[in-house]
Amino acid sequence: MKHWGRVPSWPWANLIHTLRRNDYSFPVDFAKTQRFLDALFALGFITAGIAMALTRVRIALSAFVLIGIVLPPYTYALAGTNRYALGLFPVFIFLAQLCQKRPGLERYLVFVCSLLLGVYSL
């Protein structure tokens, strides 16, 4: 794992490091921006997993999400977190249940997902 730049660490260490050390000035460095987006994606899925646990969604589903998103940062590398998180299907079921009651949230999620799709398509 050393050859891939992965070393054992606490899962929150790289998230905190990424959010603190990011350069928000121009010109934008793509690698740093991608790492920042990976950290935000991981934090979003951790938040969704905690929200699932607090709203009494089946414990197996929320545990699956939390374990699935917390395991990759144990290697101090956030690269690919988006790819790992897309397999955590209970989050999307939870978001669909939330959007049934809140149409404004649905429009917001469609906008954000479309924006990210456009950014990654370039």
N, C-alpha and C. Protein backbone atom coordinates (compact mmCIF):
# COMPACT_ATOMS: atom_id res chain seq x y z
N MET A 1 0.80 -1.19 0.00
CA MET A 1 0.00 0.00 0.00
C MET A 1 0.85 1.26 0.00
N LYS A 2 2.08 1.15 0.44
CA LYS A 2 2.95 2.33 0.47
C LYS A 2 3.22 2.86 -0.94
N HIS A 3 3.29 1.95 -1.91
CA HIS A 3 3.59 2.36 -3.28
C HIS A 3 2.44 3.13 -3.91
N TRP A 4 1.25 2.98 -3.37
CA TRP A 4 0.08 3.69 -3.88
C TRP A 4 -0.18 4.98 -3.11
N GLY A 5 0.67 5.28 -2.15
CA GLY A 5 0.48 6.48 -1.34
C GLY A 5 -0.57 6.31 -0.26
N ARG A 6 -0.82 5.07 0.13
CA ARG A 6 -1.83 4.80 1.16
C ARG A 6 -1.13 4.29 2.42
N VAL A 7 -1.43 4.94 3.52
CA VAL A 7 -0.89 4.53 4.81
C VAL A 7 -2.05 4.48 5.80
N PRO A 8 -1.95 3.63 6.83
CA PRO A 8 -3.04 3.57 7.81
C PRO A 8 -3.19 4.88 8.57
N SER A 9 -4.42 5.31 8.80
CA SER A 9 -4.68 6.53 9.56
C SER A 9 -6.11 6.48 10.07
N TRP A 10 -6.44 7.42 10.92
CA TRP A 10 -7.82 7.56 11.37
C TRP A 10 -8.65 8.12 10.22
N PRO A 11 -9.90 7.73 10.09
CA PRO A 11 -10.69 8.17 8.93
C PRO A 11 -10.91 9.67 8.85
N TRP A 12 -10.94 10.35 9.98
CA TRP A 12 -11.17 11.80 9.97
C TRP A 12 -9.92 12.61 9.71
N ALA A 13 -8.74 12.00 9.80
CA ALA A 13 -7.48 12.74 9.65
C ALA A 13 -7.35 13.37 8.26
N ASN A 14 -7.62 12.61 7.23
CA ASN A 14 -7.49 13.14 5.87
C ASN A 14 -8.61 14.13 5.54
N LEU A 15 -9.80 13.90 6.08
CA LEU A 15 -10.89 14.85 5.84
C LEU A 15 -10.54 16.22 6.43
N ILE A 16 -10.06 16.23 7.65
CA ILE A 16 -9.69 17.50 8.29
C ILE A 16 -8.51 18.14 7.57
N HIS A 17 -7.53 17.33 7.22
CA HIS A 17 -6.35 17.85 6.51
C HIS A 17 -6.76 18.47 5.17
N THR A 18 -7.63 17.81 4.45
CA THR A 18 -8.06 18.33 3.14
C THR A 18 -8.83 19.63 3.28
N LEU A 19 -9.74 19.70 4.23
CA LEU A 19 -10.54 20.91 4.39
C LEU A 19 -9.72 22.09 4.92
N ARG A 20 -8.71 21.82 5.74
CA ARG A 20 -7.87 22.90 6.27
C ARG A 20 -6.85 23.40 5.26
N ARG A 21 -6.27 22.52 4.49
CA ARG A 21 -5.14 22.86 3.62
C ARG A 21 -5.53 23.20 2.20
N ASN A 22 -6.80 23.27 1.91
CA ASN A 22 -7.21 23.56 0.53
C ASN A 22 -6.94 25.02 0.20
N ASP A 23 -6.46 25.26 -1.02
CA ASP A 23 -6.19 26.61 -1.49
C ASP A 23 -7.40 27.08 -2.30
N TYR A 24 -8.08 28.09 -1.81
CA TYR A 24 -9.31 28.57 -2.44
C TYR A 24 -9.07 29.72 -3.42
N SER A 25 -7.84 29.93 -3.83
CA SER A 25 -7.52 31.05 -4.72
C SER A 25 -7.39 30.55 -6.16
N PHE A 26 -7.24 31.49 -7.06
CA PHE A 26 -7.06 31.18 -8.48
C PHE A 26 -5.59 31.26 -8.83
N PRO A 27 -5.06 30.55 -9.79
CA PRO A 27 -5.71 29.56 -10.63
C PRO A 27 -5.99 28.28 -9.84
N VAL A 28 -7.04 27.62 -10.23
CA VAL A 28 -7.50 26.43 -9.53
C VAL A 28 -6.64 25.23 -9.93
N ASP A 29 -6.17 24.52 -8.92
CA ASP A 29 -5.42 23.29 -9.15
C ASP A 29 -6.43 22.13 -9.16
N PHE A 30 -6.50 21.40 -10.26
CA PHE A 30 -7.52 20.36 -10.41
C PHE A 30 -7.36 19.27 -9.35
N ALA A 31 -6.14 18.86 -9.05
CA ALA A 31 -5.93 17.78 -8.08
C ALA A 31 -6.43 18.17 -6.70
N LYS A 32 -6.15 19.40 -6.29
CA LYS A 32 -6.62 19.85 -4.98
C LYS A 32 -8.14 20.00 -4.96
N THR A 33 -8.70 20.47 -6.06
CA THR A 33 -10.15 20.63 -6.14
C THR A 33 -10.83 19.27 -6.09
N GLN A 34 -10.27 18.29 -6.79
CA GLN A 34 -10.83 16.95 -6.78
C GLN A 34 -10.76 16.35 -5.38
N ARG A 35 -9.66 16.55 -4.70
CA ARG A 35 -9.52 16.04 -3.33
C ARG A 35 -10.54 16.70 -2.41
N PHE A 36 -10.77 18.01 -2.61
CA PHE A 36 -11.77 18.73 -1.82
C PHE A 36 -13.17 18.19 -2.09
N LEU A 37 -13.50 17.93 -3.36
CA LEU A 37 -14.80 17.35 -3.70
C LEU A 37 -14.96 15.95 -3.11
N ASP A 38 -13.89 15.17 -3.11
CA ASP A 38 -13.94 13.85 -2.49
C ASP A 38 -14.24 13.96 -1.00
N ALA A 39 -13.61 14.93 -0.32
CA ALA A 39 -13.85 15.13 1.11
C ALA A 39 -15.29 15.56 1.36
N LEU A 40 -15.81 16.47 0.54
CA LEU A 40 -17.20 16.90 0.70
C LEU A 40 -18.18 15.75 0.45
N PHE A 41 -17.86 14.93 -0.54
CA PHE A 41 -18.70 13.78 -0.85
C PHE A 41 -18.73 12.81 0.32
N ALA A 42 -17.56 12.55 0.90
CA ALA A 42 -17.48 11.65 2.05
C ALA A 42 -18.25 12.22 3.24
N LEU A 43 -18.09 13.52 3.51
CA LEU A 43 -18.82 14.15 4.61
C LEU A 43 -20.33 14.12 4.37
N GLY A 44 -20.73 14.30 3.13
CA GLY A 44 -22.15 14.24 2.80
C GLY A 44 -22.74 12.85 3.05
N PHE A 45 -22.02 11.83 2.67
CA PHE A 45 -22.51 10.47 2.87
C PHE A 45 -22.46 10.07 4.34
N ILE A 46 -21.47 10.56 5.09
CA ILE A 46 -21.44 10.30 6.53
C ILE A 46 -22.64 10.97 7.19
N THR A 47 -22.93 12.21 6.78
CA THR A 47 -24.09 12.93 7.32
C THR A 47 -25.38 12.20 6.97
N ALA A 48 -25.48 11.70 5.75
CA ALA A 48 -26.68 10.96 5.35
C ALA A 48 -26.82 9.67 6.15
N GLY A 49 -25.72 8.99 6.40
CA GLY A 49 -25.77 7.77 7.21
C GLY A 49 -26.20 8.04 8.63
N ILE A 50 -25.71 9.14 9.21
CA ILE A 50 -26.13 9.51 10.57
C ILE A 50 -27.59 9.91 10.58
N ALA A 51 -28.03 10.65 9.56
CA ALA A 51 -29.44 11.04 9.47
C ALA A 51 -30.33 9.81 9.32
N MET A 52 -29.87 8.82 8.59
CA MET A 52 -30.63 7.58 8.44
C MET A 52 -30.78 6.89 9.79
N ALA A 53 -29.70 6.87 10.57
CA ALA A 53 -29.75 6.22 11.88
C ALA A 53 -30.68 6.99 12.83
N LEU A 54 -30.66 8.31 12.75
CA LEU A 54 -31.49 9.11 13.64
C LEU A 54 -32.97 9.08 13.28
N THR A 55 -33.30 8.86 12.02
CA THR A 55 -34.70 8.82 11.61
C THR A 55 -35.27 7.40 11.62
N ARG A 56 -34.59 6.52 12.26
CA ARG A 56 -35.07 5.15 12.47
C ARG A 56 -35.25 4.34 11.20
N VAL A 57 -34.38 4.58 10.23
CA VAL A 57 -34.33 3.69 9.07
C VAL A 57 -33.72 2.39 9.59
N ARG A 58 -33.97 1.31 8.95
CA ARG A 58 -33.44 0.01 9.41
C ARG A 58 -31.96 0.13 9.74
N ILE A 59 -31.59 -0.41 10.88
CA ILE A 59 -30.23 -0.26 11.38
C ILE A 59 -29.22 -0.91 10.44
N ALA A 60 -29.61 -1.97 9.77
CA ALA A 60 -28.69 -2.63 8.84
C ALA A 60 -28.34 -1.71 7.67
N LEU A 61 -29.32 -0.95 7.19
CA LEU A 61 -29.07 -0.06 6.05
C LEU A 61 -28.17 1.12 6.46
N SER A 62 -28.46 1.71 7.61
CA SER A 62 -27.62 2.84 8.04
C SER A 62 -26.23 2.36 8.42
N ALA A 63 -26.10 1.18 9.01
CA ALA A 63 -24.77 0.64 9.32
C ALA A 63 -24.00 0.34 8.04
N PHE A 64 -24.68 -0.18 7.02
CA PHE A 64 -24.04 -0.45 5.74
C PHE A 64 -23.46 0.83 5.13
N VAL A 65 -24.23 1.91 5.21
CA VAL A 65 -23.78 3.19 4.66
C VAL A 65 -22.60 3.72 5.47
N LEU A 66 -22.71 3.73 6.77
CA LEU A 66 -21.64 4.30 7.60
C LEU A 66 -20.35 3.49 7.50
N ILE A 67 -20.45 2.19 7.51
CA ILE A 67 -19.24 1.37 7.39
C ILE A 67 -18.66 1.50 5.99
N GLY A 68 -19.52 1.54 4.99
CA GLY A 68 -19.05 1.63 3.60
C GLY A 68 -18.35 2.94 3.29
N ILE A 69 -18.72 4.03 3.96
CA ILE A 69 -18.09 5.32 3.66
C ILE A 69 -16.93 5.61 4.60
N VAL A 70 -16.89 4.99 5.76
CA VAL A 70 -15.80 5.24 6.71
C VAL A 70 -14.58 4.37 6.42
N LEU A 71 -14.77 3.23 5.80
CA LEU A 71 -13.62 2.35 5.54
C LEU A 71 -12.58 2.91 4.57
N PRO A 72 -12.95 3.50 3.43
CA PRO A 72 -11.91 3.99 2.52
C PRO A 72 -10.97 5.05 3.10
N PRO A 73 -11.43 6.00 3.92
CA PRO A 73 -10.48 6.99 4.46
C PRO A 73 -9.49 6.42 5.48
N TYR A 74 -9.63 5.17 5.90
CA TYR A 74 -8.65 4.58 6.81
C TYR A 74 -7.28 4.47 6.17
N THR A 75 -7.20 4.63 4.86
CA THR A 75 -5.91 4.54 4.16
C THR A 75 -5.30 5.90 3.86
N TYR A 76 -5.86 6.96 4.44
CA TYR A 76 -5.42 8.34 4.27
C TYR A 76 -5.50 8.81 2.82
N ALA A 77 -6.20 8.12 1.99
CA ALA A 77 -6.38 8.56 0.60
C ALA A 77 -7.87 8.68 0.34
N LEU A 78 -8.28 9.85 -0.12
CA LEU A 78 -9.68 10.06 -0.44
C LEU A 78 -9.99 9.78 -1.91
N ALA A 79 -8.98 9.50 -2.69
CA ALA A 79 -9.18 9.26 -4.12
C ALA A 79 -10.12 8.06 -4.30
N GLY A 80 -11.15 8.26 -5.07
CA GLY A 80 -12.10 7.18 -5.35
C GLY A 80 -13.24 7.10 -4.36
N THR A 81 -13.32 8.03 -3.41
CA THR A 81 -14.40 7.99 -2.44
C THR A 81 -15.75 8.09 -3.14
N ASN A 82 -15.82 8.91 -4.18
CA ASN A 82 -17.08 9.03 -4.93
C ASN A 82 -17.48 7.69 -5.52
N ARG A 83 -16.53 6.98 -6.04
CA ARG A 83 -16.80 5.68 -6.66
C ARG A 83 -17.27 4.67 -5.62
N TYR A 84 -16.64 4.66 -4.44
CA TYR A 84 -17.05 3.74 -3.38
C TYR A 84 -18.45 4.08 -2.88
N ALA A 85 -18.74 5.37 -2.77
CA ALA A 85 -20.02 5.80 -2.20
C ALA A 85 -21.19 5.53 -3.13
N LEU A 86 -20.98 5.50 -4.41
CA LEU A 86 -22.10 5.28 -5.34
C LEU A 86 -22.71 3.89 -5.19
N GLY A 87 -21.99 2.98 -4.59
CA GLY A 87 -22.52 1.64 -4.33
C GLY A 87 -23.35 1.56 -3.07
N LEU A 88 -23.43 2.63 -2.33
CA LEU A 88 -24.18 2.65 -1.08
C LEU A 88 -25.64 3.05 -1.36
N PHE A 89 -26.37 2.11 -1.94
CA PHE A 89 -27.71 2.37 -2.43
C PHE A 89 -28.71 2.80 -1.36
N PRO A 90 -28.58 2.43 -0.08
CA PRO A 90 -29.59 2.89 0.89
C PRO A 90 -29.68 4.41 1.01
N VAL A 91 -28.59 5.12 0.72
CA VAL A 91 -28.64 6.58 0.78
C VAL A 91 -29.60 7.12 -0.27
N PHE A 92 -29.60 6.55 -1.44
CA PHE A 92 -30.47 7.02 -2.51
C PHE A 92 -31.93 6.70 -2.22
N ILE A 93 -32.18 5.57 -1.57
CA ILE A 93 -33.55 5.24 -1.14
C ILE A 93 -34.00 6.25 -0.08
N PHE A 94 -33.11 6.57 0.86
CA PHE A 94 -33.42 7.55 1.90
C PHE A 94 -33.69 8.92 1.31
N LEU A 95 -32.86 9.33 0.34
CA LEU A 95 -33.09 10.63 -0.32
C LEU A 95 -34.42 10.66 -1.08
N ALA A 96 -34.78 9.54 -1.70
CA ALA A 96 -36.06 9.48 -2.41
C ALA A 96 -37.23 9.62 -1.43
N GLN A 97 -37.10 9.01 -0.25
CA GLN A 97 -38.15 9.15 0.76
C GLN A 97 -38.24 10.58 1.26
N LEU A 98 -37.10 11.25 1.42
CA LEU A 98 -37.11 12.65 1.83
C LEU A 98 -37.73 13.55 0.77
N CYS A 99 -37.44 13.27 -0.48
CA CYS A 99 -37.92 14.12 -1.58
C CYS A 99 -39.42 13.97 -1.83
N GLN A 100 -40.02 12.87 -1.39
CA GLN A 100 -41.46 12.70 -1.54
C GLN A 100 -42.22 13.78 -0.79
N LYS A 101 -41.71 14.15 0.38
CA LYS A 101 -42.38 15.13 1.23
C LYS A 101 -41.94 16.56 0.94
N ARG A 102 -40.78 16.72 0.29
CA ARG A 102 -40.21 18.05 0.06
C ARG A 102 -39.83 18.21 -1.41
N PRO A 103 -40.70 18.75 -2.25
CA PRO A 103 -40.38 18.91 -3.67
C PRO A 103 -39.26 19.91 -3.91
N GLY A 104 -39.06 20.87 -3.02
CA GLY A 104 -37.95 21.82 -3.16
C GLY A 104 -36.61 21.13 -3.02
N LEU A 105 -36.53 20.17 -2.12
CA LEU A 105 -35.30 19.39 -1.95
C LEU A 105 -35.00 18.57 -3.21
N GLU A 106 -36.05 18.06 -3.81
CA GLU A 106 -35.87 17.28 -5.05
C GLU A 106 -35.29 18.15 -6.16
N ARG A 107 -35.81 19.36 -6.31
CA ARG A 107 -35.29 20.28 -7.33
C ARG A 107 -33.83 20.64 -7.04
N TYR A 108 -33.52 20.87 -5.79
CA TYR A 108 -32.15 21.20 -5.40
C TYR A 108 -31.20 20.04 -5.71
N LEU A 109 -31.59 18.82 -5.37
CA LEU A 109 -30.73 17.66 -5.64
C LEU A 109 -30.54 17.44 -7.14
N VAL A 110 -31.60 17.63 -7.91
CA VAL A 110 -31.47 17.50 -9.37
C VAL A 110 -30.51 18.55 -9.91
N PHE A 111 -30.59 19.78 -9.40
CA PHE A 111 -29.69 20.84 -9.84
C PHE A 111 -28.24 20.52 -9.49
N VAL A 112 -28.00 20.12 -8.25
CA VAL A 112 -26.62 19.82 -7.81
C VAL A 112 -26.06 18.63 -8.58
N CYS A 113 -26.85 17.58 -8.75
CA CYS A 113 -26.36 16.41 -9.49
C CYS A 113 -26.10 16.75 -10.95
N SER A 114 -26.95 17.57 -11.54
CA SER A 114 -26.73 17.99 -12.93
C SER A 114 -25.47 18.85 -13.05
N LEU A 115 -25.27 19.73 -12.09
CA LEU A 115 -24.06 20.56 -12.09
C LEU A 115 -22.80 19.71 -11.98
N LEU A 116 -22.80 18.75 -11.07
CA LEU A 116 -21.64 17.87 -10.93
C LEU A 116 -21.43 17.00 -12.17
N LEU A 117 -22.52 16.55 -12.77
CA LEU A 117 -22.41 15.78 -14.00
C LEU A 117 -21.78 16.62 -15.10
N GLY A 118 -22.17 17.89 -15.19
CA GLY A 118 -21.57 18.79 -16.17
C GLY A 118 -20.10 19.05 -15.91
N VAL A 119 -19.73 19.21 -14.65
CA VAL A 119 -18.32 19.45 -14.30
C VAL A 119 -17.47 18.24 -14.65
N TYR A 120 -17.96 17.06 -14.32
CA TYR A 120 -17.17 15.85 -14.58
C TYR A 120 -17.22 15.43 -16.04
N SER A 121 -18.12 16.00 -16.82
CA SER A 121 -18.18 15.65 -18.25
C SER A 121 -17.19 16.44 -19.09
N LEU A 122 -16.67 17.51 -18.56
CA LEU A 122 -15.76 18.35 -19.34
C LEU A 122 -14.43 17.68 -19.58
